[in-house]
């Protein structure tokens, strides 16, 4: 299984890395805090989104990201997920 959040037109980001604030607005749309490997990155989901994400993440063995995402996140400061 592989999943990604993309816009309806099929793009992950707009020109000059724009649009993330709209594409990922659901990451801050609720009252349920979802765990993150980065203490500075808070994910606040609605209850249905929280349940869905919990089920999805529980079934994933590894996250594979591209070089661009790695660079944009500065390698997550060397932190590893748990």
Protein backbone atom coordinates (compact mmCIF):
# COMPACT_ATOMS: atom_id res chain seq x y z
CA UNK A 1 0.00 0.00 0.00
CA UNK A 2 1.20 3.53 -0.75
CA UNK A 3 -0.56 6.78 0.06
CA UNK A 4 0.07 10.49 -0.34
CA UNK A 5 -1.82 13.71 0.13
CA UNK A 6 -2.20 15.41 -3.23
CA UNK A 7 -4.44 18.09 -4.65
CA UNK A 8 -7.31 17.19 -6.98
CA UNK A 9 -5.26 18.29 -9.98
CA UNK A 10 -2.59 15.74 -9.05
CA UNK A 11 0.11 18.08 -7.77
CA UNK A 12 1.72 17.75 -4.38
CA UNK A 13 2.91 21.39 -4.40
CA UNK A 14 2.36 24.46 -6.51
CA UNK A 15 4.91 26.74 -8.13
CA UNK A 16 7.77 27.66 -5.79
CA UNK A 17 6.62 25.11 -3.19
CA UNK A 18 3.33 27.00 -2.70
CA UNK A 19 -0.02 25.61 -1.70
CA UNK A 20 0.99 23.45 1.24
CA UNK A 21 -1.06 25.59 3.61
CA UNK A 22 -4.21 24.56 1.71
CA UNK A 23 -3.26 20.99 0.90
CA UNK A 24 -2.37 20.10 4.48
CA UNK A 25 -4.92 22.30 6.30
CA UNK A 26 -6.54 19.13 7.63
CA UNK A 27 -3.38 18.56 9.71
CA UNK A 28 -4.48 21.42 11.96
CA UNK A 29 -8.25 21.07 11.79
CA UNK A 30 -9.16 19.27 14.98
CA UNK A 31 -8.82 18.69 18.68
CA UNK A 32 -6.96 15.36 18.66
CA UNK A 33 -3.15 15.62 18.71
CA UNK A 34 -1.51 12.96 16.56
CA UNK A 35 2.04 11.91 17.55
CA UNK A 36 4.94 13.16 15.45
CA UNK A 37 8.66 12.40 15.52
CA UNK A 38 9.27 16.18 15.46
CA UNK A 39 8.24 17.88 18.73
CA UNK A 40 7.98 21.20 16.86
CA UNK A 41 5.48 19.80 14.33
CA UNK A 42 2.00 19.51 15.81
CA UNK A 43 -0.72 17.55 14.04
CA UNK A 44 -4.24 18.31 15.28
CA UNK A 45 -6.90 16.15 13.64
CA UNK A 46 -10.64 15.77 13.81
CA UNK A 47 -11.78 12.56 15.49
CA UNK A 48 -12.54 10.73 12.20
CA UNK A 49 -9.19 11.83 10.72
CA UNK A 50 -7.39 10.77 13.91
CA UNK A 51 -8.96 7.29 13.79
CA UNK A 52 -8.14 6.94 10.08
CA UNK A 53 -4.52 8.08 10.50
CA UNK A 54 -4.04 5.80 13.50
CA UNK A 55 -5.20 2.80 11.46
CA UNK A 56 -3.06 3.75 8.45
CA UNK A 57 0.13 4.42 10.43
CA UNK A 58 -0.30 1.25 12.46
CA UNK A 59 -0.28 -0.76 9.23
CA UNK A 60 2.82 0.90 7.74
CA UNK A 61 6.20 -0.73 8.21
CA UNK A 62 8.30 2.09 6.78
CA UNK A 63 7.88 5.57 5.31
CA UNK A 64 9.77 6.24 2.08
CA UNK A 65 10.27 9.85 1.09
CA UNK A 66 12.02 11.54 -1.79
CA UNK A 67 15.18 13.59 -1.68
CA UNK A 68 13.28 16.86 -2.07
CA UNK A 69 11.13 16.20 1.01
CA UNK A 70 14.23 15.15 2.95
CA UNK A 71 15.98 18.40 2.00
CA UNK A 72 12.92 20.57 2.75
CA UNK A 73 12.79 19.07 6.25
CA UNK A 74 16.55 19.26 6.79
CA UNK A 75 16.58 15.50 7.34
CA UNK A 76 14.29 16.07 10.33
CA UNK A 77 17.34 17.24 12.22
CA UNK A 78 18.68 13.68 12.39
CA UNK A 79 15.68 12.52 14.45
CA UNK A 80 14.30 9.07 13.82
CA UNK A 81 10.67 8.08 14.08
CA UNK A 82 9.58 5.75 16.80
